[in-house]
Amino acid sequence: MGDSLATAELTRTERFLRACRGEPVDRPPVWLMRQAGRYLPEYRAAREGVTFLQACQDVERAVEISLQPLRLVGTEAVILFSDIFVPVLGMGVDLDFRPGPVIAEPIRTREQVEKLVVPDARAAVPYVFEILRRLRAALEPEAVPLLGFAGAPFTLAAYLVEGRGSKDFGTLKRMLYREPAVLRALLERLTEMTVDYLNAQIDAGAQAVQLFDTWAGLLGVAEYREWVLPTHQAIVRRLRRDRAPLILYVNGGAHVVDAMLESGADVLSLDWRVDFAAAARHVGRRAAVQGNLDPCALAAPPERIAAWVRELAEAGRAARGHVLNLGHGCLPETPAEGVRAFTAAARKLAQ
């Protein structure tokens, strides 16, 4: 972990970026997916009186919600409070959140795909970038890293085709086999949008970005390589990674770790179903890893959480770098004291 550099004096930003890039650190940094959310009473208070989408569009409110985990649970990075579907609003899609995205007219034809606009993200959703600029200004004096994020093309397509969340996204998978040209055209447009959106976030101050492919794990390995991997590779190639490393998360992706590695992402974020030690050894010097405690494990006693953190940190040493995180997002019923135990245990690793 250490070298001749004074790694014990790293700022939180330095520790995080060095871990993502596989450079020596004193210990893994720690943050949590979905760390701002319904498990915090302060979040519920900040959301009072507005819809979820209104909260994402309200700059002051979104800044406050983004910063809450830094103050309340000891996380070492701040991620933009938003939703993966916010940039899709600029594509001419009529959608609502109930609470997940619901598409008024699901995309089922080539004509619908061709009507989708690939917007200039800065003009389409300017509030996202104002939130990032304000967060970066607030975090800079404390040297806390700022993360942006986007939904991956396949996951966005899953909702756009299905019309809403689903256990198996059967409509999407039927399109994959029956009308592949339609799905390919949709993925191409979503990839264009995602590249522009993430690069705009980097310009606005994001120091790392995470790509969430929540539903790509529904595919078998061959289908993943055909439909998902090319979108990830295109994003990696065109992203300004010299300015911000890319973290790739695939939920339910234990069977596609090799393909994730082929994306070229700087960090592979692994869910809790993956054998973290084996995956870290397999990835080795080719990428850093992030993860991967089961979110439900935060209900355990603090001493048990601390033991898991030590085990994860030891396992993560085999990879190029390691960022401590969960294997999925915090659940609404997550006890805040469990989150604090997780972050506290990470900070003690250097002692």
Protein backbone atom coordinates (compact mmCIF):
# COMPACT_ATOMS: atom_id res chain seq x y z
CA MET A 1 0.00 0.00 0.00
CA GLY A 2 2.69 2.52 0.94
CA ASP A 3 5.88 3.73 -0.71
CA SER A 4 8.54 6.32 -0.01
CA LEU A 5 5.95 9.05 -0.45
CA ALA A 6 4.31 10.44 2.68
CA THR A 7 1.12 8.50 2.03
CA ALA A 8 0.01 9.02 5.63
CA GLU A 9 -0.43 12.70 4.79
CA LEU A 10 -2.68 12.18 1.78
CA THR A 11 -5.76 14.35 1.51
CA ARG A 12 -9.06 12.60 0.89
CA THR A 13 -8.97 13.69 -2.75
CA GLU A 14 -5.42 12.42 -3.22
CA ARG A 15 -6.20 9.10 -1.54
CA PHE A 16 -9.30 8.56 -3.65
CA LEU A 17 -7.77 9.45 -7.02
CA ARG A 18 -4.57 7.54 -6.32
CA ALA A 19 -6.57 4.44 -5.37
CA CYS A 20 -8.61 4.71 -8.59
CA ARG A 21 -5.44 5.00 -10.67
CA GLY A 22 -3.56 2.26 -8.86
CA GLU A 23 -1.00 4.49 -7.19
CA PRO A 24 0.26 3.87 -3.62
CA VAL A 25 -2.03 4.89 -0.75
CA ASP A 26 -1.97 4.46 3.01
CA ARG A 27 -5.39 2.71 3.02
CA PRO A 28 -8.46 2.38 0.81
CA PRO A 29 -10.76 5.41 0.64
CA VAL A 30 -14.42 4.84 1.46
CA TRP A 31 -17.79 6.03 0.15
CA LEU A 32 -21.13 4.33 -0.42
CA MET A 33 -23.39 4.03 -3.41
CA ARG A 34 -26.73 5.72 -2.74
CA GLN A 35 -25.18 7.27 0.35
CA ALA A 36 -27.59 10.21 0.29
CA GLY A 37 -31.05 8.78 0.68
CA ARG A 38 -34.06 7.63 2.59
CA TYR A 39 -32.14 5.99 5.44
CA LEU A 40 -31.21 9.50 6.68
CA PRO A 41 -33.88 11.55 8.51
CA GLU A 42 -32.09 14.68 7.27
CA TYR A 43 -32.62 13.55 3.69
CA ARG A 44 -36.33 13.03 4.27
CA ALA A 45 -36.53 16.52 5.76
CA ALA A 46 -34.73 18.03 2.77
CA ARG A 47 -37.11 16.23 0.39
CA GLU A 48 -40.24 17.38 2.19
CA GLY A 49 -42.77 19.13 0.00
CA VAL A 50 -41.15 18.35 -3.38
CA THR A 51 -41.11 15.45 -5.79
CA PHE A 52 -37.95 13.47 -6.41
CA LEU A 53 -37.40 15.14 -9.79
CA GLN A 54 -37.96 18.60 -8.29
CA ALA A 55 -35.30 17.81 -5.68
CA CYS A 56 -32.86 16.85 -8.46
CA GLN A 57 -33.57 20.14 -10.26
CA ASP A 58 -33.41 22.39 -7.17
CA VAL A 59 -29.76 23.46 -6.98
CA GLU A 60 -29.72 24.48 -3.31
CA ARG A 61 -31.62 21.40 -2.20
CA ALA A 62 -29.51 19.00 -4.29
CA VAL A 63 -26.28 20.52 -2.95
CA GLU A 64 -27.51 20.10 0.62
CA ILE A 65 -28.55 16.48 0.02
CA SER A 66 -25.24 15.67 -1.69
CA LEU A 67 -23.27 17.01 1.29
CA GLN A 68 -25.30 15.29 4.02
CA PRO A 69 -23.33 11.99 4.07
CA LEU A 70 -20.05 13.87 4.46
CA ARG A 71 -21.29 15.47 7.67
CA LEU A 72 -23.55 12.74 9.00
CA VAL A 73 -21.93 9.36 8.27
CA GLY A 74 -18.25 10.03 7.61
CA THR A 75 -18.00 9.21 3.91
CA GLU A 76 -14.77 10.33 2.22
CA ALA A 77 -16.20 11.32 -1.16
CA VAL A 78 -19.31 13.19 -2.25
CA ILE A 79 -21.40 12.08 -5.22
CA LEU A 80 -23.81 14.33 -7.07
CA PHE A 81 -27.41 13.88 -5.95
CA SER A 82 -29.38 13.19 -9.11
CA ASP A 83 -30.84 10.27 -11.08
CA ILE A 84 -29.66 8.30 -14.09
CA PHE A 85 -32.72 9.48 -16.02
CA VAL A 86 -32.18 13.22 -15.56
CA PRO A 87 -30.22 13.63 -18.85
CA VAL A 88 -32.84 11.59 -20.72
CA LEU A 89 -35.27 14.45 -20.08
CA GLY A 90 -33.37 16.41 -22.73
CA MET A 91 -33.93 13.71 -25.36
CA GLY A 92 -37.63 14.41 -25.73
CA VAL A 93 -38.82 11.53 -23.56
CA ASP A 94 -41.92 12.05 -21.43
CA LEU A 95 -41.21 10.37 -18.09
CA ASP A 96 -42.16 10.52 -14.46
CA PHE A 97 -40.81 8.98 -11.24
CA ARG A 98 -43.27 6.76 -9.28
CA PRO A 99 -40.76 6.32 -7.57
CA GLY A 100 -38.70 4.73 -10.37
CA PRO A 101 -38.81 6.00 -13.96
CA VAL A 102 -42.06 5.45 -15.84
CA ILE A 103 -42.02 6.18 -19.59
CA ALA A 104 -45.25 7.60 -21.05
CA GLU A 105 -44.56 6.11 -24.51
CA PRO A 106 -42.07 3.23 -24.37
CA ILE A 107 -39.57 3.10 -27.24
CA ARG A 108 -40.51 0.15 -29.44
CA THR A 109 -39.90 1.28 -33.07
CA ARG A 110 -37.10 2.66 -35.25
CA GLU A 111 -39.18 5.78 -35.87
CA GLN A 112 -39.33 6.50 -32.12
CA VAL A 113 -35.58 6.04 -31.84
CA GLU A 114 -34.96 8.47 -34.70
CA LYS A 115 -37.07 11.11 -32.97
CA LEU A 116 -34.83 11.03 -29.90
CA VAL A 117 -32.68 14.14 -29.64
CA VAL A 118 -29.04 13.82 -28.57
CA PRO A 119 -28.93 17.10 -26.65
CA ASP A 120 -26.13 19.37 -25.54
CA ALA A 121 -26.26 18.35 -21.89
CA ARG A 122 -25.15 21.80 -20.70
CA ALA A 123 -28.21 23.36 -22.32
CA ALA A 124 -30.64 20.53 -21.60
CA VAL A 125 -30.01 20.07 -17.86
CA PRO A 126 -27.94 23.11 -16.77
CA TYR A 127 -28.85 22.66 -13.11
CA VAL A 128 -26.77 19.45 -12.94
CA PHE A 129 -23.61 21.35 -13.74
CA GLU A 130 -24.43 24.24 -11.42
CA ILE A 131 -24.86 21.69 -8.61
CA LEU A 132 -21.46 20.21 -9.45
CA ARG A 133 -19.76 23.61 -9.57
CA ARG A 134 -21.17 24.56 -6.18
CA LEU A 135 -20.22 21.22 -4.67
CA ARG A 136 -16.67 21.46 -5.99
CA ALA A 137 -16.32 24.95 -4.53
CA ALA A 138 -17.63 23.74 -1.17
CA LEU A 139 -15.43 20.64 -1.09
CA GLU A 140 -12.18 22.10 -2.38
CA PRO A 141 -11.11 23.70 0.93
CA GLU A 142 -11.57 20.34 2.70
CA ALA A 143 -9.91 18.39 -0.15
CA VAL A 144 -12.90 16.03 -0.47
CA PRO A 145 -13.31 14.40 -3.89
CA LEU A 146 -16.43 15.01 -5.98
CA LEU A 147 -17.97 12.23 -8.08
CA GLY A 148 -20.36 12.49 -10.98
CA PHE A 149 -22.27 9.62 -12.55
CA ALA A 150 -24.48 8.44 -15.37
CA GLY A 151 -26.65 5.50 -16.22
CA ALA A 152 -25.12 3.19 -18.81
CA PRO A 153 -26.81 2.93 -22.23
CA PHE A 154 -28.09 -0.62 -21.76
CA THR A 155 -29.74 0.15 -18.43
CA LEU A 156 -31.33 3.34 -19.79
CA ALA A 157 -32.56 1.35 -22.80
CA ALA A 158 -34.04 -1.29 -20.50
CA TYR A 159 -36.38 1.28 -18.94
CA LEU A 160 -37.08 3.13 -22.20
CA VAL A 161 -38.15 -0.06 -23.97
CA GLU A 162 -39.93 -1.73 -21.07
CA GLY A 163 -41.61 1.49 -19.93
CA ARG A 164 -40.84 0.95 -16.25
CA GLY A 165 -38.82 -1.25 -13.92
CA SER A 166 -39.14 -5.01 -14.30
CA LYS A 167 -37.73 -8.21 -12.83
CA ASP A 168 -36.66 -9.64 -16.18
CA PHE A 169 -37.18 -6.84 -18.78
CA GLY A 170 -38.80 -9.34 -21.13
CA THR A 171 -39.86 -6.69 -23.68
CA LEU A 172 -36.29 -5.46 -23.96
CA LYS A 173 -34.88 -8.96 -24.36
CA ARG A 174 -37.44 -9.83 -27.02
CA MET A 175 -36.39 -6.71 -28.93
CA LEU A 176 -32.77 -7.85 -28.62
CA TYR A 177 -33.60 -11.08 -30.47
CA ARG A 178 -36.43 -9.97 -32.78
CA GLU A 179 -35.49 -6.39 -33.70
CA PRO A 180 -31.79 -6.02 -33.00
CA ALA A 181 -31.38 -3.07 -35.37
CA VAL A 182 -33.84 -1.00 -33.32
CA LEU A 183 -32.06 -1.74 -30.06
CA ARG A 184 -28.65 -1.09 -31.62
CA ALA A 185 -29.79 2.31 -32.89
CA LEU A 186 -31.19 3.17 -29.44
CA LEU A 187 -27.94 2.16 -27.73
CA GLU A 188 -25.94 4.29 -30.16
CA ARG A 189 -27.98 7.39 -29.31
CA LEU A 190 -27.77 6.72 -25.60
CA THR A 191 -24.01 6.21 -25.84
CA GLU A 192 -23.63 9.59 -27.57
CA MET A 193 -25.72 11.25 -24.87
CA THR A 194 -23.79 9.55 -22.05
CA VAL A 195 -20.37 10.56 -23.36
CA ASP A 196 -21.42 14.20 -23.66
CA TYR A 197 -23.11 14.17 -20.26
CA LEU A 198 -20.15 12.69 -18.39
CA ASN A 199 -17.60 14.94 -20.09
CA ALA A 200 -19.76 17.94 -19.19
CA GLN A 201 -19.77 16.76 -15.56
CA ILE A 202 -15.98 16.58 -15.62
CA ASP A 203 -15.83 20.11 -17.04
CA ALA A 204 -18.10 21.25 -14.20
CA GLY A 205 -15.81 19.82 -11.52
CA ALA A 206 -16.37 16.07 -11.14
CA GLN A 207 -13.03 14.47 -10.25
CA ALA A 208 -14.19 10.90 -10.97
CA VAL A 209 -17.31 9.50 -12.58
CA GLN A 210 -19.20 6.25 -12.16
CA LEU A 211 -21.15 4.47 -14.87
CA PHE A 212 -24.08 2.47 -13.45
CA ASP A 213 -25.20 -0.53 -15.52
CA THR A 214 -27.80 -1.86 -13.13
CA TRP A 215 -29.50 -4.27 -15.53
CA ALA A 216 -26.66 -5.49 -17.75
CA GLY A 217 -26.24 -8.50 -15.45
CA LEU A 218 -29.51 -9.88 -16.86
CA LEU A 219 -27.61 -10.92 -19.98
CA GLY A 220 -25.51 -14.01 -20.52
CA VAL A 221 -21.81 -13.59 -21.27
CA ALA A 222 -22.15 -13.74 -25.06
CA GLU A 223 -25.05 -11.27 -25.09
CA TYR A 224 -23.20 -8.97 -22.69
CA ARG A 225 -20.19 -8.93 -25.00
CA GLU A 226 -22.38 -8.13 -28.00
CA TRP A 227 -24.72 -5.53 -26.51
CA VAL A 228 -23.08 -4.03 -23.44
CA LEU A 229 -19.30 -4.19 -23.74
CA PRO A 230 -19.13 -2.08 -26.94
CA THR A 231 -21.05 0.75 -25.25
CA HIS A 232 -18.69 0.70 -22.27
CA GLN A 233 -15.64 0.66 -24.52
CA ALA A 234 -16.95 3.58 -26.56
CA ILE A 235 -17.54 5.62 -23.40
CA VAL A 236 -14.10 4.76 -22.00
CA ARG A 237 -12.41 5.77 -25.27
CA ARG A 238 -14.13 9.15 -25.47
CA LEU A 239 -14.20 10.13 -21.80
CA ARG A 240 -11.66 12.65 -20.48
CA ARG A 241 -10.11 10.07 -18.18
CA ASP A 242 -6.88 12.04 -17.90
CA ARG A 243 -8.95 14.43 -15.79
CA ALA A 244 -11.30 11.97 -14.05
CA PRO A 245 -11.04 8.17 -13.71
CA LEU A 246 -14.06 6.06 -14.65
CA ILE A 247 -15.65 3.55 -12.27
CA LEU A 248 -17.80 0.88 -13.93
CA TYR A 249 -20.54 -0.80 -11.90
CA VAL A 250 -22.54 -3.81 -13.16
CA ASN A 251 -25.14 -5.19 -10.80
CA GLY A 252 -25.45 -8.96 -10.91
CA GLY A 253 -22.24 -9.06 -12.92
CA ALA A 254 -20.24 -11.86 -11.29
CA HIS A 255 -20.25 -13.78 -14.59
CA VAL A 256 -18.98 -10.86 -16.69
CA VAL A 257 -15.99 -9.61 -14.68
CA ASP A 258 -13.65 -10.52 -17.56
CA ALA A 259 -15.77 -8.50 -19.98
CA MET A 260 -15.93 -5.59 -17.54
CA LEU A 261 -12.14 -5.66 -17.46
CA GLU A 262 -12.04 -5.44 -21.25
CA SER A 263 -13.96 -2.16 -21.11
CA GLY A 264 -10.80 -0.32 -20.10
CA ALA A 265 -12.47 1.27 -17.06
CA ASP A 266 -10.08 2.45 -14.36
CA VAL A 267 -12.09 0.85 -11.53
CA LEU A 268 -14.42 -2.15 -11.56
CA SER A 269 -17.17 -1.80 -8.96
CA LEU A 270 -18.26 -5.31 -7.97
CA ASP A 271 -21.52 -6.31 -6.35
CA TRP A 272 -21.73 -8.49 -3.24
CA ARG A 273 -22.32 -11.69 -5.21
CA VAL A 274 -18.73 -11.58 -6.48
CA ASP A 275 -15.97 -13.36 -4.55
CA PHE A 276 -14.05 -10.16 -3.93
CA ALA A 277 -10.71 -11.76 -3.09
CA ALA A 278 -10.78 -14.00 -6.17
CA ALA A 279 -11.87 -11.11 -8.40
CA ALA A 280 -9.14 -8.81 -7.07
CA ARG A 281 -6.51 -11.48 -7.72
CA HIS A 282 -7.87 -12.05 -11.21
CA VAL A 283 -7.98 -8.34 -12.05
CA GLY A 284 -4.50 -7.83 -10.61
CA ARG A 285 -2.61 -4.87 -12.06
CA ARG A 286 -5.09 -4.35 -14.90
CA ALA A 287 -7.58 -2.25 -12.91
CA ALA A 288 -8.57 -1.11 -9.46
CA VAL A 289 -11.61 -2.62 -7.74
CA GLN A 290 -14.43 -1.13 -5.69
CA GLY A 291 -16.71 -2.82 -3.21
CA ASN A 292 -18.31 -4.93 -2.20
CA LEU A 293 -20.13 -5.41 1.13
CA ASP A 294 -23.76 -6.56 0.97
CA PRO A 295 -25.83 -3.44 1.84
CA CYS A 296 -27.93 -5.54 4.23
CA ALA A 297 -24.78 -6.31 6.23
CA LEU A 298 -24.88 -2.75 7.59
CA ALA A 299 -27.59 -4.02 9.96
CA ALA A 300 -24.95 -6.10 11.76
CA PRO A 301 -23.17 -5.05 14.99
CA PRO A 302 -20.35 -2.51 14.51
CA GLU A 303 -17.62 -4.99 15.43
CA ARG A 304 -18.82 -7.42 12.75
CA ILE A 305 -18.91 -4.64 10.15
CA ALA A 306 -15.36 -3.69 11.15
CA ALA A 307 -14.21 -7.28 10.65
CA TRP A 308 -15.73 -7.37 7.17
CA VAL A 309 -14.03 -4.08 6.30
CA ARG A 310 -10.66 -5.52 7.32
CA GLU A 311 -11.32 -8.63 5.22
CA LEU A 312 -12.29 -6.54 2.20
CA ALA A 313 -9.23 -4.33 2.57
CA GLU A 314 -6.96 -7.37 2.74
CA ALA A 315 -8.63 -8.94 -0.30
CA GLY A 316 -8.44 -5.69 -2.27
CA ARG A 317 -4.66 -5.57 -1.96
CA ALA A 318 -4.36 -8.04 -4.82
CA ALA A 319 -5.76 -5.53 -7.31
CA ARG A 320 -4.07 -2.41 -8.63
CA GLY A 321 -6.09 -0.29 -6.22
CA HIS A 322 -9.13 -0.58 -3.96
CA VAL A 323 -12.00 1.75 -3.04
CA LEU A 324 -14.12 0.51 -0.14
CA ASN A 325 -17.82 0.56 -0.93
CA LEU A 326 -20.97 -1.54 -0.82
CA GLY A 327 -21.95 -4.05 -3.47
CA HIS A 328 -25.07 -2.00 -4.25
CA GLY A 329 -26.75 1.12 -2.89
CA CYS A 330 -27.82 1.84 0.66
CA LEU A 331 -31.35 0.57 1.29
CA PRO A 332 -34.04 2.80 2.84
CA GLU A 333 -34.05 0.67 6.00
CA THR A 334 -30.25 0.87 6.40
CA PRO A 335 -29.37 1.96 9.96
CA ALA A 336 -27.27 5.12 9.90
CA GLU A 337 -25.13 3.70 12.71
CA GLY A 338 -24.21 0.81 10.41
CA VAL A 339 -23.02 3.26 7.76
CA ARG A 340 -20.98 5.13 10.38
CA ALA A 341 -19.45 1.85 11.56
CA PHE A 342 -18.47 1.06 7.97
CA THR A 343 -16.73 4.39 7.35
CA ALA A 344 -15.14 4.44 10.81
CA ALA A 345 -13.66 0.99 10.26
CA ALA A 346 -12.17 2.15 6.97
CA ARG A 347 -10.45 5.11 8.63
CA LYS A 348 -8.97 2.83 11.28
CA LEU A 349 -7.22 0.70 8.66
CA ALA A 350 -4.28 3.09 8.64
CA GLN A 351 -3.81 2.96 12.41
